[in-house]
Amino acid sequence: MKKNDWKDRLNVVYSTNPDFRYQTDEEEASATIDKGRQNLRVAIDRKNRGGKVVTLVTGFVGTDDDLKALARLLKGKCGVGGSVKDGEIVIQGDFKARIVELLLKEGYARTKGSGG
């Protein structure tokens, strides 16, 4: 059965080319690279958070599921809440040193604590 979803092809009305393929804006899921090759940055952030301090983990390259699994691990080990937004992990509170230590212990060898 053909996939005939009009939302995926909004700007194309009709084509006479029998081999025409509609181009969609779907992003391909990038494969998660090896833990030892991940360049993760850990920083403290206070901006636009109502005075609350959060720890940000950025630079993860991989699927959303793997990013969420890493966030779940960090939140569990620190005993705090957090979330995953726009490809970065947000952990509530100032846990920079603890998170760098946990990431290094998990095998993320290129982890660096930056700024803050």
PDB file of N, CA and C in Angstrom:
ATOM      1  N   MET A   1       0.836  -1.188   0.000  1.00  0.00           N
ATOM      2  CA  MET A   1       0.000   0.000   0.000  1.00  0.00           C
ATOM      3  C   MET A   1       0.872   1.239   0.000  1.00  0.00           C
ATOM      4  N   LYS A   2       0.511   2.226  -0.798  1.00  0.00           N
ATOM      5  CA  LYS A   2       1.281   3.459  -0.893  1.00  0.00           C
ATOM      6  C   LYS A   2       1.080   4.323   0.342  1.00  0.00           C
ATOM      7  N   LYS A   3       2.131   5.008   0.712  1.00  0.00           N
ATOM      8  CA  LYS A   3       2.003   5.985   1.778  1.00  0.00           C
ATOM      9  C   LYS A   3       1.543   7.278   1.122  1.00  0.00           C
ATOM     10  N   ASN A   4       0.348   7.724   1.429  1.00  0.00           N
ATOM     11  CA  ASN A   4      -0.218   8.879   0.767  1.00  0.00           C
ATOM     12  C   ASN A   4      -0.599   9.921   1.815  1.00  0.00           C
ATOM     13  N   ASP A   5       0.361  10.392   2.568  1.00  0.00           N
ATOM     14  CA  ASP A   5       0.115  11.364   3.620  1.00  0.00           C
ATOM     15  C   ASP A   5       0.345  12.763   3.065  1.00  0.00           C
ATOM     16  N   TRP A   6      -0.686  13.532   2.912  1.00  0.00           N
ATOM     17  CA  TRP A   6      -0.579  14.851   2.298  1.00  0.00           C
ATOM     18  C   TRP A   6       0.240  15.828   3.130  1.00  0.00           C
ATOM     19  N   LYS A   7       0.368  15.607   4.420  1.00  0.00           N
ATOM     20  CA  LYS A   7       1.149  16.510   5.262  1.00  0.00           C
ATOM     21  C   LYS A   7       2.636  16.428   4.942  1.00  0.00           C
ATOM     22  N   ASP A   8       3.090  15.272   4.459  1.00  0.00           N
ATOM     23  CA  ASP A   8       4.498  15.103   4.111  1.00  0.00           C
ATOM     24  C   ASP A   8       4.861  15.764   2.791  1.00  0.00           C
ATOM     25  N   ARG A   9       3.868  16.091   1.983  1.00  0.00           N
ATOM     26  CA  ARG A   9       4.145  16.656   0.662  1.00  0.00           C
ATOM     27  C   ARG A   9       3.362  17.940   0.414  1.00  0.00           C
ATOM     28  N   LEU A  10       3.356  18.828   1.363  1.00  0.00           N
ATOM     29  CA  LEU A  10       2.560  20.045   1.298  1.00  0.00           C
ATOM     30  C   LEU A  10       2.855  20.931   0.083  1.00  0.00           C
ATOM     31  N   ASN A  11       4.088  21.078  -0.320  1.00  0.00           N
ATOM     32  CA  ASN A  11       4.435  22.030  -1.367  1.00  0.00           C
ATOM     33  C   ASN A  11       4.469  21.420  -2.757  1.00  0.00           C
ATOM     34  N   VAL A  12       4.046  20.190  -2.942  1.00  0.00           N
ATOM     35  CA  VAL A  12       4.012  19.561  -4.253  1.00  0.00           C
ATOM     36  C   VAL A  12       2.562  19.214  -4.562  1.00  0.00           C
ATOM     37  N   VAL A  13       2.073  19.733  -5.672  1.00  0.00           N
ATOM     38  CA  VAL A  13       0.694  19.481  -6.039  1.00  0.00           C
ATOM     39  C   VAL A  13       0.587  18.232  -6.902  1.00  0.00           C
ATOM     40  N   TYR A  14       1.390  18.185  -7.984  1.00  0.00           N
ATOM     41  CA  TYR A  14       1.281  17.077  -8.917  1.00  0.00           C
ATOM     42  C   TYR A  14       2.582  16.956  -9.689  1.00  0.00           C
ATOM     43  N   SER A  15       2.970  15.753 -10.021  1.00  0.00           N
ATOM     44  CA  SER A  15       4.143  15.528 -10.845  1.00  0.00           C
ATOM     45  C   SER A  15       3.805  14.510 -11.924  1.00  0.00           C
ATOM     46  N   THR A  16       4.267  14.783 -13.157  1.00  0.00           N
ATOM     47  CA  THR A  16       4.032  13.853 -14.261  1.00  0.00           C
ATOM     48  C   THR A  16       5.120  12.803 -14.368  1.00  0.00           C
ATOM     49  N   ASN A  17       6.177  12.941 -13.592  1.00  0.00           N
ATOM     50  CA  ASN A  17       7.283  11.999 -13.598  1.00  0.00           C
ATOM     51  C   ASN A  17       6.861  10.734 -12.839  1.00  0.00           C
ATOM     52  N   PRO A  18       6.843   9.568 -13.490  1.00  0.00           N
ATOM     53  CA  PRO A  18       6.401   8.360 -12.794  1.00  0.00           C
ATOM     54  C   PRO A  18       7.379   7.897 -11.709  1.00  0.00           C
ATOM     55  N   ASP A  19       8.642   8.341 -11.770  1.00  0.00           N
ATOM     56  CA  ASP A  19       9.640   7.947 -10.768  1.00  0.00           C
ATOM     57  C   ASP A  19       9.829   9.012  -9.695  1.00  0.00           C
ATOM     58  N   PHE A  20       8.961   9.994  -9.643  1.00  0.00           N
ATOM     59  CA  PHE A  20       9.113  11.091  -8.687  1.00  0.00           C
ATOM     60  C   PHE A  20       8.891  10.598  -7.263  1.00  0.00           C
ATOM     61  N   ARG A  21       9.779  10.995  -6.370  1.00  0.00           N
ATOM     62  CA  ARG A  21       9.664  10.659  -4.949  1.00  0.00           C
ATOM     63  C   ARG A  21       9.546  11.956  -4.167  1.00  0.00           C
ATOM     64  N   TYR A  22       8.557  12.026  -3.330  1.00  0.00           N
ATOM     65  CA  TYR A  22       8.383  13.204  -2.512  1.00  0.00           C
ATOM     66  C   TYR A  22       9.504  13.287  -1.493  1.00  0.00           C
ATOM     67  N   GLN A  23      10.038  14.494  -1.318  1.00  0.00           N
ATOM     68  CA  GLN A  23      11.081  14.696  -0.322  1.00  0.00           C
ATOM     69  C   GLN A  23      10.434  15.246   0.938  1.00  0.00           C
ATOM     70  N   THR A  24      10.722  14.624   2.037  1.00  0.00           N
ATOM     71  CA  THR A  24      10.166  15.076   3.299  1.00  0.00           C
ATOM     72  C   THR A  24      11.280  15.643   4.158  1.00  0.00           C
ATOM     73  N   ASP A  25      10.877  16.335   5.198  1.00  0.00           N
ATOM     74  CA  ASP A  25      11.846  16.967   6.096  1.00  0.00           C
ATOM     75  C   ASP A  25      12.209  16.084   7.272  1.00  0.00           C
ATOM     76  N   GLU A  26      12.032  14.780   7.142  1.00  0.00           N
ATOM     77  CA  GLU A  26      12.347  13.865   8.228  1.00  0.00           C
ATOM     78  C   GLU A  26      13.854  13.819   8.456  1.00  0.00           C
ATOM     79  N   GLU A  27      14.235  13.898   9.713  1.00  0.00           N
ATOM     80  CA  GLU A  27      15.641  13.769  10.057  1.00  0.00           C
ATOM     81  C   GLU A  27      15.934  12.294  10.288  1.00  0.00           C
ATOM     82  N   GLU A  28      17.005  11.833   9.708  1.00  0.00           N
ATOM     83  CA  GLU A  28      17.382  10.454   9.926  1.00  0.00           C
ATOM     84  C   GLU A  28      18.001  10.324  11.314  1.00  0.00           C
ATOM     85  N   ALA A  29      17.642   9.277  12.005  1.00  0.00           N
ATOM     86  CA  ALA A  29      18.191   9.061  13.336  1.00  0.00           C
ATOM     87  C   ALA A  29      19.665   8.696  13.209  1.00  0.00           C
ATOM     88  N   SER A  30      20.494   9.518  13.824  1.00  0.00           N
ATOM     89  CA  SER A  30      21.920   9.232  13.753  1.00  0.00           C
ATOM     90  C   SER A  30      22.252   8.118  14.743  1.00  0.00           C
ATOM     91  N   ALA A  31      23.089   7.225  14.321  1.00  0.00           N
ATOM     92  CA  ALA A  31      23.480   6.110  15.173  1.00  0.00           C
ATOM     93  C   ALA A  31      24.321   6.636  16.333  1.00  0.00           C
ATOM     94  N   THR A  32      24.170   6.017  17.467  1.00  0.00           N
ATOM     95  CA  THR A  32      24.928   6.426  18.639  1.00  0.00           C
ATOM     96  C   THR A  32      26.370   5.970  18.489  1.00  0.00           C
ATOM     97  N   ILE A  33      27.289   6.929  18.627  1.00  0.00           N
ATOM     98  CA  ILE A  33      28.700   6.571  18.517  1.00  0.00           C
ATOM     99  C   ILE A  33      29.178   5.978  19.840  1.00  0.00           C
ATOM    100  N   ASP A  34      30.315   5.332  19.809  1.00  0.00           N
ATOM    101  CA  ASP A  34      30.888   4.639  20.957  1.00  0.00           C
ATOM    102  C   ASP A  34      31.086   5.593  22.142  1.00  0.00           C
ATOM    103  N   LYS A  35      30.910   5.081  23.353  1.00  0.00           N
ATOM    104  CA  LYS A  35      31.071   5.897  24.561  1.00  0.00           C
ATOM    105  C   LYS A  35      32.426   6.581  24.631  1.00  0.00           C
ATOM    106  N   GLY A  36      33.475   5.883  24.244  1.00  0.00           N
ATOM    107  CA  GLY A  36      34.824   6.433  24.327  1.00  0.00           C
ATOM    108  C   GLY A  36      35.071   7.569  23.352  1.00  0.00           C
ATOM    109  N   ARG A  37      34.224   7.688  22.319  1.00  0.00           N
ATOM    110  CA  ARG A  37      34.411   8.732  21.316  1.00  0.00           C
ATOM    111  C   ARG A  37      33.449   9.908  21.493  1.00  0.00           C
ATOM    112  N   GLN A  38      32.549   9.840  22.458  1.00  0.00           N
ATOM    113  CA  GLN A  38      31.607  10.929  22.720  1.00  0.00           C
ATOM    114  C   GLN A  38      32.353  12.114  23.349  1.00  0.00           C
ATOM    115  N   ASN A  39      32.119  13.308  22.834  1.00  0.00           N
ATOM    116  CA  ASN A  39      32.699  14.532  23.396  1.00  0.00           C
ATOM    117  C   ASN A  39      31.630  15.236  24.226  1.00  0.00           C
ATOM    118  N   LEU A  40      31.520  14.863  25.479  1.00  0.00           N
ATOM    119  CA  LEU A  40      30.495  15.432  26.346  1.00  0.00           C
ATOM    120  C   LEU A  40      31.051  16.597  27.149  1.00  0.00           C
ATOM    121  N   ARG A  41      30.238  17.636  27.308  1.00  0.00           N
ATOM    122  CA  ARG A  41      30.587  18.805  28.109  1.00  0.00           C
ATOM    123  C   ARG A  41      29.591  18.913  29.252  1.00  0.00           C
ATOM    124  N   VAL A  42      30.089  19.155  30.443  1.00  0.00           N
ATOM    125  CA  VAL A  42      29.244  19.310  31.618  1.00  0.00           C
ATOM    126  C   VAL A  42      29.436  20.725  32.134  1.00  0.00           C
ATOM    127  N   ALA A  43      28.337  21.463  32.292  1.00  0.00           N
ATOM    128  CA  ALA A  43      28.412  22.859  32.726  1.00  0.00           C
ATOM    129  C   ALA A  43      27.253  23.182  33.663  1.00  0.00           C
ATOM    130  N   ILE A  44      27.426  24.235  34.438  1.00  0.00           N
ATOM    131  CA  ILE A  44      26.399  24.745  35.332  1.00  0.00           C
ATOM    132  C   ILE A  44      25.707  25.906  34.623  1.00  0.00           C
ATOM    133  N   ASP A  45      24.389  25.981  34.742  1.00  0.00           N
ATOM    134  CA  ASP A  45      23.637  27.047  34.087  1.00  0.00           C
ATOM    135  C   ASP A  45      22.625  27.638  35.060  1.00  0.00           C
ATOM    136  N   ARG A  46      22.525  28.967  35.054  1.00  0.00           N
ATOM    137  CA  ARG A  46      21.554  29.665  35.897  1.00  0.00           C
ATOM    138  C   ARG A  46      20.639  30.567  35.075  1.00  0.00           C
ATOM    139  N   LYS A  47      20.905  30.709  33.804  1.00  0.00           N
ATOM    140  CA  LYS A  47      20.176  31.655  32.954  1.00  0.00           C
ATOM    141  C   LYS A  47      18.773  31.149  32.629  1.00  0.00           C
ATOM    142  N   ASN A  48      17.821  32.068  32.673  1.00  0.00           N
ATOM    143  CA  ASN A  48      16.433  31.803  32.307  1.00  0.00           C
ATOM    144  C   ASN A  48      15.820  30.643  33.075  1.00  0.00           C
ATOM    145  N   ARG A  49      16.203  30.484  34.319  1.00  0.00           N
ATOM    146  CA  ARG A  49      15.664  29.386  35.110  1.00  0.00           C
ATOM    147  C   ARG A  49      15.136  29.872  36.463  1.00  0.00           C
ATOM    148  N   GLY A  50      14.844  31.149  36.552  1.00  0.00           N
ATOM    149  CA  GLY A  50      14.269  31.689  37.779  1.00  0.00           C
ATOM    150  C   GLY A  50      15.198  31.605  38.969  1.00  0.00           C
ATOM    151  N   GLY A  51      16.495  31.706  38.761  1.00  0.00           N
ATOM    152  CA  GLY A  51      17.466  31.643  39.839  1.00  0.00           C
ATOM    153  C   GLY A  51      17.865  30.229  40.240  1.00  0.00           C
ATOM    154  N   LYS A  52      17.232  29.242  39.669  1.00  0.00           N
ATOM    155  CA  LYS A  52      17.576  27.852  39.980  1.00  0.00           C
ATOM    156  C   LYS A  52      18.842  27.438  39.235  1.00  0.00           C
ATOM    157  N   VAL A  53      19.613  26.570  39.847  1.00  0.00           N
ATOM    158  CA  VAL A  53      20.854  26.080  39.245  1.00  0.00           C
ATOM    159  C   VAL A  53      20.595  24.712  38.640  1.00  0.00           C
ATOM    160  N   VAL A  54      21.073  24.513  37.408  1.00  0.00           N
ATOM    161  CA  VAL A  54      20.970  23.202  36.766  1.00  0.00           C
ATOM    162  C   VAL A  54      22.327  22.826  36.199  1.00  0.00           C
ATOM    163  N   THR A  55      22.541  21.541  36.024  1.00  0.00           N
ATOM    164  CA  THR A  55      23.748  21.025  35.394  1.00  0.00           C
ATOM    165  C   THR A  55      23.364  20.545  34.004  1.00  0.00           C
ATOM    166  N   LEU A  56      24.080  21.040  32.984  1.00  0.00           N
ATOM    167  CA  LEU A  56      23.809  20.676  31.601  1.00  0.00           C
ATOM    168  C   LEU A  56      24.864  19.712  31.089  1.00  0.00           C
ATOM    169  N   VAL A  57      24.429  18.672  30.387  1.00  0.00           N
ATOM    170  CA  VAL A  57      25.335  17.753  29.707  1.00  0.00           C
ATOM    171  C   VAL A  57      25.032  17.890  28.220  1.00  0.00           C
ATOM    172  N   THR A  58      26.007  18.381  27.450  1.00  0.00           N
ATOM    173  CA  THR A  58      25.808  18.624  26.021  1.00  0.00           C
ATOM    174  C   THR A  58      26.837  17.849  25.210  1.00  0.00           C
ATOM    175  N   GLY A  59      26.594  17.770  23.905  1.00  0.00           N
ATOM    176  CA  GLY A  59      27.548  17.146  23.002  1.00  0.00           C
ATOM    177  C   GLY A  59      27.276  15.686  22.698  1.00  0.00           C
ATOM    178  N   PHE A  60      26.162  15.137  23.152  1.00  0.00           N
ATOM    179  CA  PHE A  60      25.858  13.723  22.913  1.00  0.00           C
ATOM    180  C   PHE A  60      25.456  13.528  21.462  1.00  0.00           C
ATOM    181  N   VAL A  61      26.055  12.545  20.803  1.00  0.00           N
ATOM    182  CA  VAL A  61      25.714  12.219  19.418  1.00  0.00           C
ATOM    183  C   VAL A  61      25.097  10.826  19.414  1.00  0.00           C
ATOM    184  N   GLY A  62      23.816  10.758  19.049  1.00  0.00           N
ATOM    185  CA  GLY A  62      23.155   9.468  19.004  1.00  0.00           C
ATOM    186  C   GLY A  62      21.654   9.598  19.003  1.00  0.00           C
ATOM    187  N   THR A  63      20.989   8.490  19.252  1.00  0.00           N
ATOM    188  CA  THR A  63      19.536   8.460  19.206  1.00  0.00           C
ATOM    189  C   THR A  63      18.938   9.073  20.475  1.00  0.00           C
ATOM    190  N   ASP A  64      17.693   9.488  20.361  1.00  0.00           N
ATOM    191  CA  ASP A  64      17.003  10.067  21.511  1.00  0.00           C
ATOM    192  C   ASP A  64      16.829   9.049  22.629  1.00  0.00           C
ATOM    193  N   ASP A  65      16.606   7.795  22.262  1.00  0.00           N
ATOM    194  CA  ASP A  65      16.426   6.759  23.284  1.00  0.00           C
ATOM    195  C   ASP A  65      17.694   6.570  24.117  1.00  0.00           C
ATOM    196  N   ASP A  66      18.860   6.596  23.456  1.00  0.00           N
ATOM    197  CA  ASP A  66      20.118   6.447  24.182  1.00  0.00           C
ATOM    198  C   ASP A  66      20.387   7.667  25.064  1.00  0.00           C
ATOM    199  N   LEU A  67      20.018   8.852  24.566  1.00  0.00           N
ATOM    200  CA  LEU A  67      20.186  10.071  25.357  1.00  0.00           C
ATOM    201  C   LEU A  67      19.290  10.028  26.589  1.00  0.00           C
ATOM    202  N   LYS A  68      18.065   9.578  26.418  1.00  0.00           N
ATOM    203  CA  LYS A  68      17.140   9.478  27.547  1.00  0.00           C
ATOM    204  C   LYS A  68      17.609   8.429  28.550  1.00  0.00           C
ATOM    205  N   ALA A  69      18.199   7.346  28.073  1.00  0.00           N
ATOM    206  CA  ALA A  69      18.721   6.316  28.972  1.00  0.00           C
ATOM    207  C   ALA A  69      19.877   6.861  29.803  1.00  0.00           C
ATOM    208  N   LEU A  70      20.749   7.651  29.167  1.00  0.00           N
ATOM    209  CA  LEU A  70      21.863   8.264  29.900  1.00  0.00           C
ATOM    210  C   LEU A  70      21.334   9.258  30.930  1.00  0.00           C
ATOM    211  N   ALA A  71      20.325  10.036  30.555  1.00  0.00           N
ATOM    212  CA  ALA A  71      19.728  10.987  31.496  1.00  0.00           C
ATOM    213  C   ALA A  71      19.111  10.259  32.682  1.00  0.00           C
ATOM    214  N   ARG A  72      18.436   9.161  32.408  1.00  0.00           N
ATOM    215  CA  ARG A  72      17.813   8.373  33.480  1.00  0.00           C
ATOM    216  C   ARG A  72      18.880   7.853  34.447  1.00  0.00           C
ATOM    217  N   LEU A  73      20.010   7.399  33.904  1.00  0.00           N
ATOM    218  CA  LEU A  73      21.106   6.911  34.736  1.00  0.00           C
ATOM    219  C   LEU A  73      21.652   8.024  35.627  1.00  0.00           C
ATOM    220  N   LEU A  74      21.912   9.202  35.026  1.00  0.00           N
ATOM    221  CA  LEU A  74      22.476  10.313  35.797  1.00  0.00           C
ATOM    222  C   LEU A  74      21.507  10.813  36.864  1.00  0.00           C
ATOM    223  N   LYS A  75      20.235  10.920  36.510  1.00  0.00           N
ATOM    224  CA  LYS A  75      19.242  11.374  37.485  1.00  0.00           C
ATOM    225  C   LYS A  75      19.136  10.383  38.643  1.00  0.00           C
ATOM    226  N   GLY A  76      19.184   9.108  38.324  1.00  0.00           N
ATOM    227  CA  GLY A  76      19.097   8.083  39.375  1.00  0.00           C
ATOM    228  C   GLY A  76      20.296   8.092  40.300  1.00  0.00           C
ATOM    229  N   LYS A  77      21.493   8.243  39.727  1.00  0.00           N
ATOM    230  CA  LYS A  77      22.712   8.246  40.547  1.00  0.00           C
ATOM    231  C   LYS A  77      22.819   9.499  41.412  1.00  0.00           C
ATOM    232  N   CYS A  78      22.284  10.634  40.911  1.00  0.00           N
ATOM    233  CA  CYS A  78      22.338  11.876  41.683  1.00  0.00           C
ATOM    234  C   CYS A  78      21.134  12.028  42.605  1.00  0.00           C
ATOM    235  N   GLY A  79      20.084  11.252  42.359  1.00  0.00           N
ATOM    236  CA  GLY A  79      18.906  11.314  43.208  1.00  0.00           C
ATOM    237  C   GLY A  79      18.091  12.576  43.024  1.00  0.00           C
ATOM    238  N   VAL A  80      18.097  13.126  41.813  1.00  0.00           N
ATOM    239  CA  VAL A  80      17.370  14.365  41.537  1.00  0.00           C
ATOM    240  C   VAL A  80      16.572  14.212  40.249  1.00  0.00           C
ATOM    241  N   GLY A  81      15.796  15.231  39.936  1.00  0.00           N
ATOM    242  CA  GLY A  81      15.019  15.248  38.705  1.00  0.00           C
ATOM    243  C   GLY A  81      15.794  15.893  37.581  1.00  0.00           C
ATOM    244  N   GLY A  82      15.192  15.881  36.420  1.00  0.00           N
ATOM    245  CA  GLY A  82      15.813  16.498  35.259  1.00  0.00           C
ATOM    246  C   GLY A  82      15.028  16.146  34.017  1.00  0.00           C
ATOM    247  N   SER A  83      15.573  16.533  32.873  1.00  0.00           N
ATOM    248  CA  SER A  83      14.883  16.267  31.620  1.00  0.00           C
ATOM    249  C   SER A  83      15.877  16.240  30.470  1.00  0.00           C
ATOM    250  N   VAL A  84      15.357  15.900  29.294  1.00  0.00           N
ATOM    251  CA  VAL A  84      16.134  15.926  28.062  1.00  0.00           C
ATOM    252  C   VAL A  84      15.437  16.890  27.120  1.00  0.00           C
ATOM    253  N   LYS A  85      16.141  17.950  26.711  1.00  0.00           N
ATOM    254  CA  LYS A  85      15.566  18.933  25.800  1.00  0.00           C
ATOM    255  C   LYS A  85      16.596  19.342  24.768  1.00  0.00           C
ATOM    256  N   ASP A  86      16.195  19.344  23.518  1.00  0.00           N
ATOM    257  CA  ASP A  86      17.040  19.830  22.418  1.00  0.00           C
ATOM    258  C   ASP A  86      18.407  19.166  22.390  1.00  0.00           C
ATOM    259  N   GLY A  87      18.466  17.886  22.659  1.00  0.00           N
ATOM    260  CA  GLY A  87      19.717  17.152  22.580  1.00  0.00           C
ATOM    261  C   GLY A  87      20.655  17.354  23.755  1.00  0.00           C
ATOM    262  N   GLU A  88      20.191  17.951  24.840  1.00  0.00           N
ATOM    263  CA  GLU A  88      21.025  18.105  26.025  1.00  0.00           C
ATOM    264  C   GLU A  88      20.279  17.610  27.252  1.00  0.00           C
ATOM    265  N   ILE A  89      21.047  17.155  28.225  1.00  0.00           N
ATOM    266  CA  ILE A  89      20.476  16.640  29.466  1.00  0.00           C
ATOM    267  C   ILE A  89      20.510  17.747  30.502  1.00  0.00           C
ATOM    268  N   VAL A  90      19.372  18.000  31.139  1.00  0.00           N
ATOM    269  CA  VAL A  90      19.264  19.020  32.179  1.00  0.00           C
ATOM    270  C   VAL A  90      19.021  18.305  33.499  1.00  0.00           C
ATOM    271  N   ILE A  91      19.967  18.452  34.438  1.00  0.00           N
ATOM    272  CA  ILE A  91      19.859  17.837  35.763  1.00  0.00           C
ATOM    273  C   ILE A  91      19.653  18.955  36.779  1.00  0.00           C
ATOM    274  N   GLN A  92      18.655  18.837  37.624  1.00  0.00           N
ATOM    275  CA  GLN A  92      18.363  19.877  38.606  1.00  0.00           C
ATOM    276  C   GLN A  92      19.423  19.882  39.697  1.00  0.00           C
ATOM    277  N   GLY A  93      20.017  21.051  39.944  1.00  0.00           N
ATOM    278  CA  GLY A  93      20.996  21.208  41.001  1.00  0.00           C
ATOM    279  C   GLY A  93      22.421  21.274  40.476  1.00  0.00           C
ATOM    280  N   ASP A  94      23.339  21.566  41.375  1.00  0.00           N
ATOM    281  CA  ASP A  94      24.761  21.709  41.035  1.00  0.00           C
ATOM    282  C   ASP A  94      25.467  20.369  41.289  1.00  0.00           C
ATOM    283  N   PHE A  95      25.531  19.535  40.257  1.00  0.00           N
ATOM    284  CA  PHE A  95      26.136  18.212  40.358  1.00  0.00           C
ATOM    285  C   PHE A  95      27.251  18.043  39.334  1.00  0.00           C
ATOM    286  N   LYS A  96      27.927  19.126  38.979  1.00  0.00           N
ATOM    287  CA  LYS A  96      28.928  19.081  37.912  1.00  0.00           C
ATOM    288  C   LYS A  96      30.019  18.048  38.186  1.00  0.00           C
ATOM    289  N   ALA A  97      30.664  18.123  39.330  1.00  0.00           N
ATOM    290  CA  ALA A  97      31.769  17.218  39.648  1.00  0.00           C
ATOM    291  C   ALA A  97      31.278  15.765  39.717  1.00  0.00           C
ATOM    292  N   ARG A  98      30.123  15.558  40.303  1.00  0.00           N
ATOM    293  CA  ARG A  98      29.573  14.202  40.440  1.00  0.00           C
ATOM    294  C   ARG A  98      29.246  13.601  39.065  1.00  0.00           C
ATOM    295  N   ILE A  99      28.665  14.414  38.182  1.00  0.00           N
ATOM    296  CA  ILE A  99      28.292  13.919  36.859  1.00  0.00           C
ATOM    297  C   ILE A  99      29.521  13.617  36.009  1.00  0.00           C
ATOM    298  N   VAL A 100      30.548  14.470  36.085  1.00  0.00           N
ATOM    299  CA  VAL A 100      31.790  14.201  35.348  1.00  0.00           C
ATOM    300  C   VAL A 100      32.385  12.880  35.828  1.00  0.00           C
ATOM    301  N   GLU A 101      32.398  12.681  37.131  1.00  0.00           N
ATOM    302  CA  GLU A 101      32.921  11.438  37.707  1.00  0.00           C
ATOM    303  C   GLU A 101      32.102  10.228  37.247  1.00  0.00           C
ATOM    304  N   LEU A 102      30.773  10.338  37.253  1.00  0.00           N
ATOM    305  CA  LEU A 102      29.907   9.237  36.821  1.00  0.00           C
ATOM    306  C   LEU A 102      30.102   8.918  35.345  1.00  0.00           C
ATOM    307  N   LEU A 103      30.214   9.953  34.513  1.00  0.00           N
ATOM    308  CA  LEU A 103      30.397   9.729  33.076  1.00  0.00           C
ATOM    309  C   LEU A 103      31.735   9.055  32.784  1.00  0.00           C
ATOM    310  N   LEU A 104      32.774   9.481  33.475  1.00  0.00           N
ATOM    311  CA  LEU A 104      34.088   8.851  33.282  1.00  0.00           C
ATOM    312  C   LEU A 104      34.047   7.391  33.726  1.00  0.00           C
ATOM    313  N   LYS A 105      33.343   7.121  34.821  1.00  0.00           N
ATOM    314  CA  LYS A 105      33.228   5.757  35.327  1.00  0.00           C
ATOM    315  C   LYS A 105      32.424   4.877  34.360  1.00  0.00           C
ATOM    316  N   GLU A 106      31.454   5.473  33.648  1.00  0.00           N
ATOM    317  CA  GLU A 106      30.622   4.734  32.684  1.00  0.00           C
ATOM    318  C   GLU A 106      31.333   4.495  31.357  1.00  0.00           C
ATOM    319  N   GLY A 107      32.503   5.110  31.155  1.00  0.00           N
ATOM    320  CA  GLY A 107      33.246   4.867  29.927  1.00  0.00           C
ATOM    321  C   GLY A 107      33.270   6.022  28.951  1.00  0.00           C
ATOM    322  N   TYR A 108      32.698   7.163  29.324  1.00  0.00           N
ATOM    323  CA  TYR A 108      32.728   8.349  28.454  1.00  0.00           C
ATOM    324  C   TYR A 108      34.044   9.079  28.727  1.00  0.00           C
ATOM    325  N   ALA A 109      35.103   8.643  28.033  1.00  0.00           N
ATOM    326  CA  ALA A 109      36.469   9.085  28.317  1.00  0.00           C
ATOM    327  C   ALA A 109      36.730  10.542  27.956  1.00  0.00           C
ATOM    328  N   ARG A 110      36.007  11.093  27.003  1.00  0.00           N
ATOM    329  CA  ARG A 110      36.253  12.465  26.560  1.00  0.00           C
ATOM    330  C   ARG A 110      35.330  13.477  27.239  1.00  0.00           C
ATOM    331  N   THR A 111      34.929  13.214  28.453  1.00  0.00           N
ATOM    332  CA  THR A 111      34.047  14.109  29.191  1.00  0.00           C
ATOM    333  C   THR A 111      34.859  15.232  29.810  1.00  0.00           C
ATOM    334  N   LYS A 112      34.353  16.470  29.678  1.00  0.00           N
ATOM    335  CA  LYS A 112      35.035  17.626  30.261  1.00  0.00           C
ATOM    336  C   LYS A 112      34.041  18.494  30.988  1.00  0.00           C
ATOM    337  N   GLY A 113      34.456  19.010  32.111  1.00  0.00           N
ATOM    338  CA  GLY A 113      33.657  19.995  32.839  1.00  0.00           C
ATOM    339  C   GLY A 113      34.074  21.367  32.359  1.00  0.00           C
ATOM    340  N   SER A 114      33.129  22.101  31.801  1.00  0.00           N
ATOM    341  CA  SER A 114      33.463  23.424  31.252  1.00  0.00           C
ATOM    342  C   SER A 114      32.661  24.491  31.952  1.00  0.00           C
ATOM    343  N   GLY A 115      33.161  25.721  31.905  1.00  0.00           N
ATOM    344  CA  GLY A 115      32.458  26.904  32.403  1.00  0.00           C
ATOM    345  C   GLY A 115      31.645  26.690  33.660  1.00  0.00           C
ATOM    346  N   GLY A 116      31.087  27.746  34.165  1.00  0.00           N
ATOM    347  CA  GLY A 116      30.185  27.581  35.301  1.00  0.00           C
ATOM    348  C   GLY A 116      30.676  28.307  36.437  1.00  0.00           C
TER     349      GLY A 116
END
